[in-house]
Amino acid sequence: MQAGAEKRTFKVRLTQQREGYWLATCGAPVCLARGKSESEVLEHIRAEIRYRIEWCPCTGVGEDYVLLDVEHA
């Protein structure tokens, strides 16, 4: 992460689906992810959010830049 860059918090909603998978959705940036466990789906949605907010791969958004505010549906 670049020096002086602040962390950002994104609201994420988790829903357990009938077949046992988890679905995570985020309203801004609009994206979703699916995983076999709660921790897996959070990892996927965090990566998807990072991908969508990077202007280009050279911006170097750090692993800890994206913080999640998780709500269970």
N, C-alpha and C. Protein backbone atom coordinates (compact mmCIF):
# COMPACT_ATOMS: atom_id res chain seq x y z
N MET A 1 0.85 -1.17 0.00
CA MET A 1 0.00 0.00 0.00
C MET A 1 0.89 1.23 0.00
N GLN A 2 0.46 2.24 -0.68
CA GLN A 2 1.26 3.45 -0.78
C GLN A 2 1.26 4.16 0.57
N ALA A 3 2.34 4.86 0.84
CA ALA A 3 2.46 5.59 2.09
C ALA A 3 1.34 6.61 2.22
N GLY A 4 0.73 6.65 3.39
CA GLY A 4 -0.34 7.61 3.65
C GLY A 4 -1.71 7.17 3.18
N ALA A 5 -1.82 6.02 2.51
CA ALA A 5 -3.13 5.56 2.04
C ALA A 5 -3.93 5.05 3.22
N GLU A 6 -5.18 5.44 3.25
CA GLU A 6 -6.05 5.02 4.34
C GLU A 6 -6.75 3.72 3.98
N LYS A 7 -7.22 3.01 5.00
CA LYS A 7 -8.01 1.81 4.78
C LYS A 7 -9.45 2.23 4.56
N ARG A 8 -10.18 1.43 3.80
CA ARG A 8 -11.59 1.72 3.53
C ARG A 8 -12.44 0.55 3.98
N THR A 9 -13.62 0.85 4.51
CA THR A 9 -14.54 -0.17 4.97
C THR A 9 -15.70 -0.29 3.99
N PHE A 10 -16.02 -1.52 3.63
CA PHE A 10 -17.08 -1.81 2.68
C PHE A 10 -18.11 -2.70 3.35
N LYS A 11 -19.40 -2.36 3.15
CA LYS A 11 -20.48 -3.16 3.73
C LYS A 11 -20.72 -4.38 2.86
N VAL A 12 -20.74 -5.54 3.53
CA VAL A 12 -20.92 -6.81 2.84
C VAL A 12 -22.03 -7.58 3.54
N ARG A 13 -22.91 -8.17 2.74
CA ARG A 13 -24.00 -8.97 3.30
C ARG A 13 -23.75 -10.44 2.99
N LEU A 14 -23.83 -11.28 4.02
CA LEU A 14 -23.62 -12.72 3.87
C LEU A 14 -24.94 -13.45 3.96
N THR A 15 -25.14 -14.40 3.07
CA THR A 15 -26.33 -15.23 3.07
C THR A 15 -25.90 -16.68 2.87
N GLN A 16 -26.40 -17.57 3.73
CA GLN A 16 -26.12 -18.99 3.52
C GLN A 16 -27.19 -19.54 2.60
N GLN A 17 -26.75 -20.19 1.53
CA GLN A 17 -27.68 -20.71 0.54
C GLN A 17 -28.09 -22.13 0.89
N ARG A 18 -29.16 -22.59 0.30
CA ARG A 18 -29.72 -23.91 0.62
C ARG A 18 -28.72 -25.05 0.44
N GLU A 19 -27.94 -24.99 -0.61
CA GLU A 19 -27.01 -26.08 -0.89
C GLU A 19 -25.75 -26.03 -0.03
N GLY A 20 -25.72 -25.12 0.96
CA GLY A 20 -24.60 -25.06 1.89
C GLY A 20 -23.54 -24.02 1.56
N TYR A 21 -23.60 -23.43 0.39
CA TYR A 21 -22.64 -22.40 0.02
C TYR A 21 -23.01 -21.07 0.68
N TRP A 22 -22.05 -20.17 0.69
CA TRP A 22 -22.26 -18.81 1.21
C TRP A 22 -22.19 -17.85 0.05
N LEU A 23 -23.03 -16.81 0.09
CA LEU A 23 -23.04 -15.75 -0.90
C LEU A 23 -22.74 -14.44 -0.19
N ALA A 24 -21.79 -13.68 -0.71
CA ALA A 24 -21.45 -12.36 -0.17
C ALA A 24 -21.73 -11.34 -1.25
N THR A 25 -22.44 -10.27 -0.88
CA THR A 25 -22.74 -9.20 -1.83
C THR A 25 -22.29 -7.86 -1.25
N CYS A 26 -21.89 -6.98 -2.14
CA CYS A 26 -21.46 -5.64 -1.77
C CYS A 26 -22.17 -4.67 -2.71
N GLY A 27 -22.71 -3.59 -2.16
CA GLY A 27 -23.44 -2.62 -2.97
C GLY A 27 -22.58 -1.58 -3.64
N ALA A 28 -21.43 -1.28 -3.05
CA ALA A 28 -20.53 -0.28 -3.62
C ALA A 28 -19.09 -0.63 -3.26
N PRO A 29 -18.31 -1.10 -4.21
CA PRO A 29 -18.64 -1.35 -5.60
C PRO A 29 -19.55 -2.58 -5.72
N VAL A 30 -20.40 -2.59 -6.72
CA VAL A 30 -21.33 -3.69 -6.90
C VAL A 30 -20.56 -4.94 -7.30
N CYS A 31 -20.62 -5.95 -6.44
CA CYS A 31 -19.97 -7.22 -6.74
C CYS A 31 -20.53 -8.30 -5.82
N LEU A 32 -20.24 -9.54 -6.16
CA LEU A 32 -20.64 -10.67 -5.33
C LEU A 32 -19.61 -11.77 -5.43
N ALA A 33 -19.67 -12.66 -4.44
CA ALA A 33 -18.76 -13.81 -4.43
C ALA A 33 -19.48 -14.97 -3.78
N ARG A 34 -19.01 -16.17 -4.06
CA ARG A 34 -19.60 -17.38 -3.52
C ARG A 34 -18.48 -18.27 -3.01
N GLY A 35 -18.74 -18.96 -1.90
CA GLY A 35 -17.72 -19.84 -1.34
C GLY A 35 -18.33 -20.97 -0.53
N LYS A 36 -17.49 -21.96 -0.20
CA LYS A 36 -17.94 -23.13 0.54
C LYS A 36 -18.05 -22.87 2.03
N SER A 37 -17.39 -21.81 2.49
CA SER A 37 -17.44 -21.47 3.92
C SER A 37 -17.51 -19.95 4.05
N GLU A 38 -17.82 -19.52 5.25
CA GLU A 38 -17.90 -18.09 5.51
C GLU A 38 -16.54 -17.42 5.29
N SER A 39 -15.49 -18.04 5.78
CA SER A 39 -14.16 -17.45 5.62
C SER A 39 -13.72 -17.42 4.15
N GLU A 40 -14.07 -18.46 3.40
CA GLU A 40 -13.71 -18.50 1.99
C GLU A 40 -14.42 -17.42 1.20
N VAL A 41 -15.72 -17.24 1.45
CA VAL A 41 -16.47 -16.23 0.69
C VAL A 41 -16.00 -14.82 1.05
N LEU A 42 -15.61 -14.60 2.30
CA LEU A 42 -15.09 -13.28 2.68
C LEU A 42 -13.76 -13.00 2.00
N GLU A 43 -12.94 -14.02 1.88
CA GLU A 43 -11.66 -13.88 1.16
C GLU A 43 -11.91 -13.53 -0.31
N HIS A 44 -12.89 -14.20 -0.92
CA HIS A 44 -13.22 -13.95 -2.33
C HIS A 44 -13.80 -12.55 -2.54
N ILE A 45 -14.70 -12.12 -1.67
CA ILE A 45 -15.31 -10.79 -1.86
C ILE A 45 -14.29 -9.69 -1.60
N ARG A 46 -13.39 -9.90 -0.65
CA ARG A 46 -12.34 -8.91 -0.40
C ARG A 46 -11.45 -8.76 -1.64
N ALA A 47 -11.10 -9.87 -2.26
CA ALA A 47 -10.27 -9.83 -3.48
C ALA A 47 -11.02 -9.17 -4.62
N GLU A 48 -12.32 -9.44 -4.75
CA GLU A 48 -13.12 -8.84 -5.81
C GLU A 48 -13.24 -7.33 -5.62
N ILE A 49 -13.43 -6.89 -4.38
CA ILE A 49 -13.51 -5.46 -4.09
C ILE A 49 -12.18 -4.79 -4.42
N ARG A 50 -11.07 -5.40 -4.00
CA ARG A 50 -9.75 -4.84 -4.30
C ARG A 50 -9.56 -4.70 -5.81
N TYR A 51 -9.97 -5.72 -6.55
CA TYR A 51 -9.83 -5.69 -8.01
C TYR A 51 -10.62 -4.53 -8.61
N ARG A 52 -11.84 -4.33 -8.12
CA ARG A 52 -12.72 -3.31 -8.70
C ARG A 52 -12.31 -1.88 -8.33
N ILE A 53 -11.64 -1.70 -7.19
CA ILE A 53 -11.28 -0.33 -6.81
C ILE A 53 -9.88 0.07 -7.26
N GLU A 54 -9.09 -0.88 -7.72
CA GLU A 54 -7.76 -0.52 -8.22
C GLU A 54 -7.89 0.17 -9.58
N TRP A 55 -7.24 1.29 -9.73
CA TRP A 55 -7.26 1.99 -11.02
C TRP A 55 -6.47 1.20 -12.05
N CYS A 56 -5.39 0.63 -11.61
CA CYS A 56 -4.60 -0.28 -12.42
C CYS A 56 -3.76 -1.11 -11.45
N PRO A 57 -3.23 -2.24 -11.89
CA PRO A 57 -2.45 -3.07 -10.97
C PRO A 57 -1.26 -2.35 -10.34
N CYS A 58 -0.80 -1.28 -10.96
CA CYS A 58 0.36 -0.56 -10.44
C CYS A 58 0.03 0.32 -9.23
N THR A 59 -1.26 0.49 -8.90
CA THR A 59 -1.62 1.34 -7.76
C THR A 59 -1.22 0.68 -6.44
N GLY A 60 -1.11 -0.63 -6.44
CA GLY A 60 -0.62 -1.32 -5.25
C GLY A 60 -1.53 -1.24 -4.04
N VAL A 61 -2.83 -1.47 -4.22
CA VAL A 61 -3.74 -1.51 -3.08
C VAL A 61 -3.36 -2.71 -2.22
N GLY A 62 -2.98 -2.45 -0.99
CA GLY A 62 -2.50 -3.49 -0.10
C GLY A 62 -3.58 -4.45 0.36
N GLU A 63 -3.15 -5.61 0.83
CA GLU A 63 -4.07 -6.64 1.33
C GLU A 63 -4.95 -6.10 2.44
N ASP A 64 -4.42 -5.23 3.27
CA ASP A 64 -5.18 -4.74 4.42
C ASP A 64 -5.95 -3.45 4.13
N TYR A 65 -5.98 -2.99 2.88
CA TYR A 65 -6.68 -1.77 2.51
C TYR A 65 -8.20 -1.93 2.63
N VAL A 66 -8.70 -3.12 2.25
CA VAL A 66 -10.14 -3.38 2.25
C VAL A 66 -10.55 -4.00 3.57
N LEU A 67 -11.35 -3.25 4.33
CA LEU A 67 -11.94 -3.77 5.56
C LEU A 67 -13.41 -4.06 5.29
N LEU A 68 -13.92 -5.14 5.89
CA LEU A 68 -15.31 -5.54 5.65
C LEU A 68 -16.17 -5.31 6.88
N ASP A 69 -17.31 -4.70 6.67
CA ASP A 69 -18.35 -4.56 7.70
C ASP A 69 -19.41 -5.59 7.32
N VAL A 70 -19.38 -6.75 7.99
CA VAL A 70 -20.17 -7.91 7.60
C VAL A 70 -21.52 -7.92 8.31
N GLU A 71 -22.58 -8.12 7.52
CA GLU A 71 -23.93 -8.26 8.02
C GLU A 71 -24.45 -9.63 7.58
N HIS A 72 -24.97 -10.41 8.52
CA HIS A 72 -25.55 -11.71 8.18
C HIS A 72 -27.03 -11.54 7.87
N ALA A 73 -27.45 -12.11 6.74
CA ALA A 73 -28.87 -12.01 6.33
C ALA A 73 -29.68 -13.10 7.00
